């Protein structure tokens, strides 16, 4: 099993990529993929189809995972 020094609810800074320099709280750690999801960083818009809950469909914004080597603990 892989151990990481970054845990959920830690404050981290992104050191590479489009969101370089942004800081945020870790929402989730994905150890099998070596990725983390950070609040408010790497946000994308995703189209969703109409469903019973959302009859019109539309777009939602969602945080995507970032590789753990691209972030550092503050």
PDB file of N, CA and C in Angstrom:
ATOM      1  N   UNK A   1       0.839  -1.189   0.000  1.00  0.00           N
ATOM      2  CA  UNK A   1       0.000   0.000   0.000  1.00  0.00           C
ATOM      3  C   UNK A   1       0.880   1.248   0.000  1.00  0.00           C
ATOM      4  N   UNK A   2       0.497   2.230  -0.794  1.00  0.00           N
ATOM      5  CA  UNK A   2       1.253   3.465  -0.907  1.00  0.00           C
ATOM      6  C   UNK A   2       0.828   4.427   0.202  1.00  0.00           C
ATOM      7  N   UNK A   3       1.796   5.051   0.865  1.00  0.00           N
ATOM      8  CA  UNK A   3       1.511   6.039   1.907  1.00  0.00           C
ATOM      9  C   UNK A   3       1.863   7.419   1.379  1.00  0.00           C
ATOM     10  N   UNK A   4       1.000   8.389   1.648  1.00  0.00           N
ATOM     11  CA  UNK A   4       1.234   9.767   1.240  1.00  0.00           C
ATOM     12  C   UNK A   4       1.256  10.660   2.461  1.00  0.00           C
ATOM     13  N   UNK A   5       2.016  11.748   2.377  1.00  0.00           N
ATOM     14  CA  UNK A   5       2.043  12.695   3.492  1.00  0.00           C
ATOM     15  C   UNK A   5       0.854  13.643   3.438  1.00  0.00           C
ATOM     16  N   UNK A   6       0.173  13.683   2.306  1.00  0.00           N
ATOM     17  CA  UNK A   6      -0.992  14.557   2.153  1.00  0.00           C
ATOM     18  C   UNK A   6      -2.249  13.779   2.527  1.00  0.00           C
ATOM     19  N   UNK A   7      -3.019  14.344   3.438  1.00  0.00           N
ATOM     20  CA  UNK A   7      -4.249  13.715   3.921  1.00  0.00           C
ATOM     21  C   UNK A   7      -5.437  14.636   3.619  1.00  0.00           C
ATOM     22  N   UNK A   8      -6.637  14.105   3.830  1.00  0.00           N
ATOM     23  CA  UNK A   8      -7.848  14.892   3.646  1.00  0.00           C
ATOM     24  C   UNK A   8      -7.852  16.068   4.626  1.00  0.00           C
ATOM     25  N   UNK A   9      -8.371  17.209   4.202  1.00  0.00           N
ATOM     26  CA  UNK A   9      -8.476  18.456   4.975  1.00  0.00           C
ATOM     27  C   UNK A   9      -7.151  19.183   5.145  1.00  0.00           C
ATOM     28  N   UNK A  10      -6.063  18.742   4.502  1.00  0.00           N
ATOM     29  CA  UNK A  10      -4.795  19.484   4.524  1.00  0.00           C
ATOM     30  C   UNK A  10      -4.886  20.667   3.566  1.00  0.00           C
ATOM     31  N   UNK A  11      -4.146  21.726   3.861  1.00  0.00           N
ATOM     32  CA  UNK A  11      -4.022  22.851   2.941  1.00  0.00           C
ATOM     33  C   UNK A  11      -2.832  22.595   2.036  1.00  0.00           C
ATOM     34  N   UNK A  12      -3.038  22.713   0.719  1.00  0.00           N
ATOM     35  CA  UNK A  12      -1.975  22.459  -0.252  1.00  0.00           C
ATOM     36  C   UNK A  12      -1.925  23.579  -1.281  1.00  0.00           C
ATOM     37  N   UNK A  13      -0.775  23.679  -1.965  1.00  0.00           N
ATOM     38  CA  UNK A  13      -0.590  24.643  -3.057  1.00  0.00           C
ATOM     39  C   UNK A  13      -0.228  23.857  -4.307  1.00  0.00           C
ATOM     40  N   UNK A  14      -0.820  24.235  -5.444  1.00  0.00           N
ATOM     41  CA  UNK A  14      -0.519  23.581  -6.718  1.00  0.00           C
ATOM     42  C   UNK A  14       0.775  24.185  -7.251  1.00  0.00           C
ATOM     43  N   UNK A  15       1.735  23.329  -7.637  1.00  0.00           N
ATOM     44  CA  UNK A  15       3.046  23.827  -8.056  1.00  0.00           C
ATOM     45  C   UNK A  15       3.269  23.765  -9.568  1.00  0.00           C
ATOM     46  N   UNK A  16       2.414  23.051 -10.307  1.00  0.00           N
ATOM     47  CA  UNK A  16       2.527  23.018 -11.773  1.00  0.00           C
ATOM     48  C   UNK A  16       1.140  22.969 -12.400  1.00  0.00           C
ATOM     49  N   UNK A  17       1.071  23.309 -13.666  1.00  0.00           N
ATOM     50  CA  UNK A  17      -0.183  23.200 -14.407  1.00  0.00           C
ATOM     51  C   UNK A  17      -0.903  24.529 -14.544  1.00  0.00           C
ATOM     52  N   UNK A  18      -2.127  24.471 -15.050  1.00  0.00           N
ATOM     53  CA  UNK A  18      -2.923  25.676 -15.306  1.00  0.00           C
ATOM     54  C   UNK A  18      -3.270  26.425 -14.031  1.00  0.00           C
ATOM     55  N   UNK A  19      -3.454  25.714 -12.937  1.00  0.00           N
ATOM     56  CA  UNK A  19      -3.846  26.333 -11.671  1.00  0.00           C
ATOM     57  C   UNK A  19      -2.645  26.592 -10.764  1.00  0.00           C
ATOM     58  N   UNK A  20      -1.457  26.740 -11.327  1.00  0.00           N
ATOM     59  CA  UNK A  20      -0.233  26.932 -10.546  1.00  0.00           C
ATOM     60  C   UNK A  20      -0.371  28.125  -9.604  1.00  0.00           C
ATOM     61  N   UNK A  21      -0.017  27.905  -8.334  1.00  0.00           N
ATOM     62  CA  UNK A  21      -0.065  28.969  -7.340  1.00  0.00           C
ATOM     63  C   UNK A  21      -1.347  29.001  -6.527  1.00  0.00           C
ATOM     64  N   UNK A  22      -2.379  28.305  -6.969  1.00  0.00           N
ATOM     65  CA  UNK A  22      -3.639  28.278  -6.221  1.00  0.00           C
ATOM     66  C   UNK A  22      -3.492  27.409  -4.979  1.00  0.00           C
ATOM     67  N   UNK A  23      -4.228  27.776  -3.941  1.00  0.00           N
ATOM     68  CA  UNK A  23      -4.218  27.022  -2.701  1.00  0.00           C
ATOM     69  C   UNK A  23      -5.626  26.548  -2.400  1.00  0.00           C
ATOM     70  N   UNK A  24      -5.722  25.408  -1.725  1.00  0.00           N
ATOM     71  CA  UNK A  24      -7.029  24.892  -1.373  1.00  0.00           C
ATOM     72  C   UNK A  24      -6.930  23.727  -0.413  1.00  0.00           C
ATOM     73  N   UNK A  25      -8.094  23.307   0.057  1.00  0.00           N
ATOM     74  CA  UNK A  25      -8.197  22.197   0.992  1.00  0.00           C
ATOM     75  C   UNK A  25      -8.403  20.902   0.211  1.00  0.00           C
ATOM     76  N   UNK A  26      -7.744  19.833   0.649  1.00  0.00           N
ATOM     77  CA  UNK A  26      -7.888  18.532   0.003  1.00  0.00           C
ATOM     78  C   UNK A  26      -9.245  17.945   0.388  1.00  0.00           C
ATOM     79  N   UNK A  27     -10.075  17.668  -0.618  1.00  0.00           N
ATOM     80  CA  UNK A  27     -11.389  17.081  -0.382  1.00  0.00           C
ATOM     81  C   UNK A  27     -11.321  15.565  -0.342  1.00  0.00           C
ATOM     82  N   UNK A  28     -10.444  14.980  -1.176  1.00  0.00           N
ATOM     83  CA  UNK A  28     -10.382  13.525  -1.280  1.00  0.00           C
ATOM     84  C   UNK A  28      -8.999  13.116  -1.780  1.00  0.00           C
ATOM     85  N   UNK A  29      -8.481  11.994  -1.267  1.00  0.00           N
ATOM     86  CA  UNK A  29      -7.225  11.418  -1.728  1.00  0.00           C
ATOM     87  C   UNK A  29      -7.552  10.094  -2.409  1.00  0.00           C
ATOM     88  N   UNK A  30      -7.027   9.912  -3.617  1.00  0.00           N
ATOM     89  CA  UNK A  30      -7.245   8.688  -4.388  1.00  0.00           C
ATOM     90  C   UNK A  30      -5.913   7.935  -4.473  1.00  0.00           C
ATOM     91  N   UNK A  31      -5.593   7.085  -3.471  1.00  0.00           N
ATOM     92  CA  UNK A  31      -4.260   6.480  -3.415  1.00  0.00           C
ATOM     93  C   UNK A  31      -3.947   5.509  -4.552  1.00  0.00           C
ATOM     94  N   UNK A  32      -4.922   4.803  -5.079  1.00  0.00           N
ATOM     95  CA  UNK A  32      -4.650   3.852  -6.164  1.00  0.00           C
ATOM     96  C   UNK A  32      -4.251   4.570  -7.451  1.00  0.00           C
ATOM     97  N   UNK A  33      -4.768   5.777  -7.660  1.00  0.00           N
ATOM     98  CA  UNK A  33      -4.443   6.553  -8.850  1.00  0.00           C
ATOM     99  C   UNK A  33      -3.376   7.607  -8.576  1.00  0.00           C
ATOM    100  N   UNK A  34      -2.951   7.756  -7.317  1.00  0.00           N
ATOM    101  CA  UNK A  34      -1.975   8.773  -6.888  1.00  0.00           C
ATOM    102  C   UNK A  34      -2.457  10.174  -7.235  1.00  0.00           C
ATOM    103  N   UNK A  35      -3.727  10.456  -6.952  1.00  0.00           N
ATOM    104  CA  UNK A  35      -4.302  11.759  -7.255  1.00  0.00           C
ATOM    105  C   UNK A  35      -5.047  12.310  -6.049  1.00  0.00           C
ATOM    106  N   UNK A  36      -5.260  13.621  -6.061  1.00  0.00           N
ATOM    107  CA  UNK A  36      -6.029  14.292  -5.011  1.00  0.00           C
ATOM    108  C   UNK A  36      -7.036  15.230  -5.667  1.00  0.00           C
ATOM    109  N   UNK A  37      -8.139  15.477  -4.969  1.00  0.00           N
ATOM    110  CA  UNK A  37      -9.129  16.448  -5.417  1.00  0.00           C
ATOM    111  C   UNK A  37      -9.055  17.621  -4.454  1.00  0.00           C
ATOM    112  N   UNK A  38      -8.849  18.830  -5.011  1.00  0.00           N
ATOM    113  CA  UNK A  38      -8.663  20.033  -4.211  1.00  0.00           C
ATOM    114  C   UNK A  38      -9.836  20.977  -4.444  1.00  0.00           C
ATOM    115  N   UNK A  39     -10.334  21.542  -3.352  1.00  0.00           N
ATOM    116  CA  UNK A  39     -11.493  22.432  -3.393  1.00  0.00           C
ATOM    117  C   UNK A  39     -11.187  23.687  -4.208  1.00  0.00           C
ATOM    118  N   UNK A  40     -11.984  23.938  -5.246  1.00  0.00           N
ATOM    119  CA  UNK A  40     -11.872  25.153  -6.046  1.00  0.00           C
ATOM    120  C   UNK A  40     -10.759  25.161  -7.076  1.00  0.00           C
ATOM    121  N   UNK A  41     -10.051  24.062  -7.262  1.00  0.00           N
ATOM    122  CA  UNK A  41      -8.953  23.995  -8.227  1.00  0.00           C
ATOM    123  C   UNK A  41      -9.239  22.930  -9.275  1.00  0.00           C
ATOM    124  N   UNK A  42      -8.735  23.164 -10.492  1.00  0.00           N
ATOM    125  CA  UNK A  42      -8.932  22.244 -11.621  1.00  0.00           C
ATOM    126  C   UNK A  42     -10.425  22.015 -11.857  1.00  0.00           C
ATOM    127  N   UNK A  43     -11.180  23.097 -11.901  1.00  0.00           N
ATOM    128  CA  UNK A  43     -12.631  23.035 -12.069  1.00  0.00           C
ATOM    129  C   UNK A  43     -12.971  22.991 -13.556  1.00  0.00           C
ATOM    130  N   UNK A  44     -13.883  22.079 -13.930  1.00  0.00           N
ATOM    131  CA  UNK A  44     -14.333  21.953 -15.314  1.00  0.00           C
ATOM    132  C   UNK A  44     -15.851  22.020 -15.352  1.00  0.00           C
ATOM    133  N   UNK A  45     -16.384  22.403 -16.519  1.00  0.00           N
ATOM    134  CA  UNK A  45     -17.828  22.369 -16.728  1.00  0.00           C
ATOM    135  C   UNK A  45     -18.174  21.067 -17.411  1.00  0.00           C
ATOM    136  N   UNK A  46     -19.218  20.418 -16.940  1.00  0.00           N
ATOM    137  CA  UNK A  46     -19.631  19.132 -17.495  1.00  0.00           C
ATOM    138  C   UNK A  46     -21.095  19.199 -17.887  1.00  0.00           C
ATOM    139  N   UNK A  47     -21.404  18.738 -19.094  1.00  0.00           N
ATOM    140  CA  UNK A  47     -22.792  18.703 -19.558  1.00  0.00           C
ATOM    141  C   UNK A  47     -23.477  17.480 -18.973  1.00  0.00           C
ATOM    142  N   UNK A  48     -24.718  17.673 -18.505  1.00  0.00           N
ATOM    143  CA  UNK A  48     -25.476  16.535 -17.987  1.00  0.00           C
ATOM    144  C   UNK A  48     -26.774  16.406 -18.768  1.00  0.00           C
ATOM    145  N   UNK A  49     -27.191  15.172 -18.987  1.00  0.00           N
ATOM    146  CA  UNK A  49     -28.417  14.898 -19.721  1.00  0.00           C
ATOM    147  C   UNK A  49     -29.624  15.135 -18.819  1.00  0.00           C
ATOM    148  N   UNK A  50     -30.768  15.411 -19.403  1.00  0.00           N
ATOM    149  CA  UNK A  50     -31.985  15.546 -18.591  1.00  0.00           C
ATOM    150  C   UNK A  50     -32.321  14.238 -17.869  1.00  0.00           C
ATOM    151  N   UNK A  51     -32.703  14.345 -16.607  1.00  0.00           N
ATOM    152  CA  UNK A  51     -33.110  13.199 -15.803  1.00  0.00           C
ATOM    153  C   UNK A  51     -34.394  13.563 -15.064  1.00  0.00           C
ATOM    154  N   UNK A  52     -34.904  12.647 -14.280  1.00  0.00           N
ATOM    155  CA  UNK A  52     -36.090  12.945 -13.486  1.00  0.00           C
ATOM    156  C   UNK A  52     -35.805  14.027 -12.442  1.00  0.00           C
ATOM    157  N   UNK A  53     -34.605  13.983 -11.852  1.00  0.00           N
ATOM    158  CA  UNK A  53     -34.233  14.991 -10.854  1.00  0.00           C
ATOM    159  C   UNK A  53     -33.993  16.355 -11.487  1.00  0.00           C
ATOM    160  N   UNK A  54     -33.409  16.364 -12.686  1.00  0.00           N
ATOM    161  CA  UNK A  54     -33.082  17.610 -13.385  1.00  0.00           C
ATOM    162  C   UNK A  54     -33.641  17.527 -14.803  1.00  0.00           C
ATOM    163  N   UNK A  55     -34.928  17.873 -14.995  1.00  0.00           N
ATOM    164  CA  UNK A  55     -35.575  17.656 -16.298  1.00  0.00           C
ATOM    165  C   UNK A  55     -34.996  18.488 -17.442  1.00  0.00           C
ATOM    166  N   UNK A  56     -34.350  19.617 -17.143  1.00  0.00           N
ATOM    167  CA  UNK A  56     -33.792  20.439 -18.208  1.00  0.00           C
ATOM    168  C   UNK A  56     -32.378  20.034 -18.603  1.00  0.00           C
ATOM    169  N   UNK A  57     -31.670  19.303 -17.742  1.00  0.00           N
ATOM    170  CA  UNK A  57     -30.267  18.997 -18.028  1.00  0.00           C
ATOM    171  C   UNK A  57     -29.430  20.230 -17.758  1.00  0.00           C
ATOM    172  N   UNK A  58     -28.377  20.426 -18.510  1.00  0.00           N
ATOM    173  CA  UNK A  58     -27.571  21.630 -18.372  1.00  0.00           C
ATOM    174  C   UNK A  58     -26.119  21.329 -18.069  1.00  0.00           C
ATOM    175  N   UNK A  59     -25.465  22.288 -17.388  1.00  0.00           N
ATOM    176  CA  UNK A  59     -24.053  22.190 -17.085  1.00  0.00           C
ATOM    177  C   UNK A  59     -23.842  22.252 -15.582  1.00  0.00           C
ATOM    178  N   UNK A  60     -22.843  21.506 -15.101  1.00  0.00           N
ATOM    179  CA  UNK A  60     -22.434  21.589 -13.708  1.00  0.00           C
ATOM    180  C   UNK A  60     -20.928  21.834 -13.677  1.00  0.00           C
ATOM    181  N   UNK A  61     -20.448  22.459 -12.610  1.00  0.00           N
ATOM    182  CA  UNK A  61     -19.009  22.623 -12.433  1.00  0.00           C
ATOM    183  C   UNK A  61     -18.542  21.598 -11.411  1.00  0.00           C
ATOM    184  N   UNK A  62     -17.370  21.038 -11.672  1.00  0.00           N
ATOM    185  CA  UNK A  62     -16.893  19.922 -10.873  1.00  0.00           C
ATOM    186  C   UNK A  62     -15.370  19.984 -10.771  1.00  0.00           C
ATOM    187  N   UNK A  63     -14.830  19.614  -9.598  1.00  0.00           N
ATOM    188  CA  UNK A  63     -13.381  19.548  -9.438  1.00  0.00           C
ATOM    189  C   UNK A  63     -12.870  18.213  -9.968  1.00  0.00           C
ATOM    190  N   UNK A  64     -11.818  18.255 -10.757  1.00  0.00           N
ATOM    191  CA  UNK A  64     -11.205  17.044 -11.294  1.00  0.00           C
ATOM    192  C   UNK A  64      -9.934  16.735 -10.492  1.00  0.00           C
ATOM    193  N   UNK A  65      -9.515  15.466 -10.460  1.00  0.00           N
ATOM    194  CA  UNK A  65      -8.314  15.101  -9.708  1.00  0.00           C
ATOM    195  C   UNK A  65      -7.034  15.665 -10.313  1.00  0.00           C
ATOM    196  N   UNK A  66      -6.043  15.904  -9.446  1.00  0.00           N
ATOM    197  CA  UNK A  66      -4.714  16.376  -9.834  1.00  0.00           C
ATOM    198  C   UNK A  66      -3.710  15.355  -9.295  1.00  0.00           C
ATOM    199  N   UNK A  67      -2.666  15.074 -10.068  1.00  0.00           N
ATOM    200  CA  UNK A  67      -1.654  14.123  -9.593  1.00  0.00           C
ATOM    201  C   UNK A  67      -0.977  14.665  -8.339  1.00  0.00           C
ATOM    202  N   UNK A  68      -0.714  13.775  -7.416  1.00  0.00           N
ATOM    203  CA  UNK A  68      -0.202  14.161  -6.102  1.00  0.00           C
ATOM    204  C   UNK A  68       1.185  14.798  -6.180  1.00  0.00           C
ATOM    205  N   UNK A  69       1.938  14.522  -7.239  1.00  0.00           N
ATOM    206  CA  UNK A  69       3.269  15.110  -7.387  1.00  0.00           C
ATOM    207  C   UNK A  69       3.195  16.581  -7.785  1.00  0.00           C
ATOM    208  N   UNK A  70       2.024  17.066  -8.179  1.00  0.00           N
ATOM    209  CA  UNK A  70       1.859  18.451  -8.598  1.00  0.00           C
ATOM    210  C   UNK A  70       1.381  19.366  -7.487  1.00  0.00           C
ATOM    211  N   UNK A  71       1.301  18.851  -6.262  1.00  0.00           N
ATOM    212  CA  UNK A  71       0.872  19.672  -5.135  1.00  0.00           C
ATOM    213  C   UNK A  71       1.870  19.530  -3.983  1.00  0.00           C
ATOM    214  N   UNK A  72       1.932  20.562  -3.126  1.00  0.00           N
ATOM    215  CA  UNK A  72       2.765  20.453  -1.934  1.00  0.00           C
ATOM    216  C   UNK A  72       2.002  20.998  -0.742  1.00  0.00           C
ATOM    217  N   UNK A  73       2.294  20.452   0.410  1.00  0.00           N
ATOM    218  CA  UNK A  73       1.659  20.840   1.656  1.00  0.00           C
ATOM    219  C   UNK A  73       2.126  22.223   2.072  1.00  0.00           C
ATOM    220  N   UNK A  74       1.222  23.008   2.637  1.00  0.00           N
ATOM    221  CA  UNK A  74       1.593  24.338   3.147  1.00  0.00           C
ATOM    222  C   UNK A  74       1.848  24.234   4.632  1.00  0.00           C
TER     223      UNK A  74
END
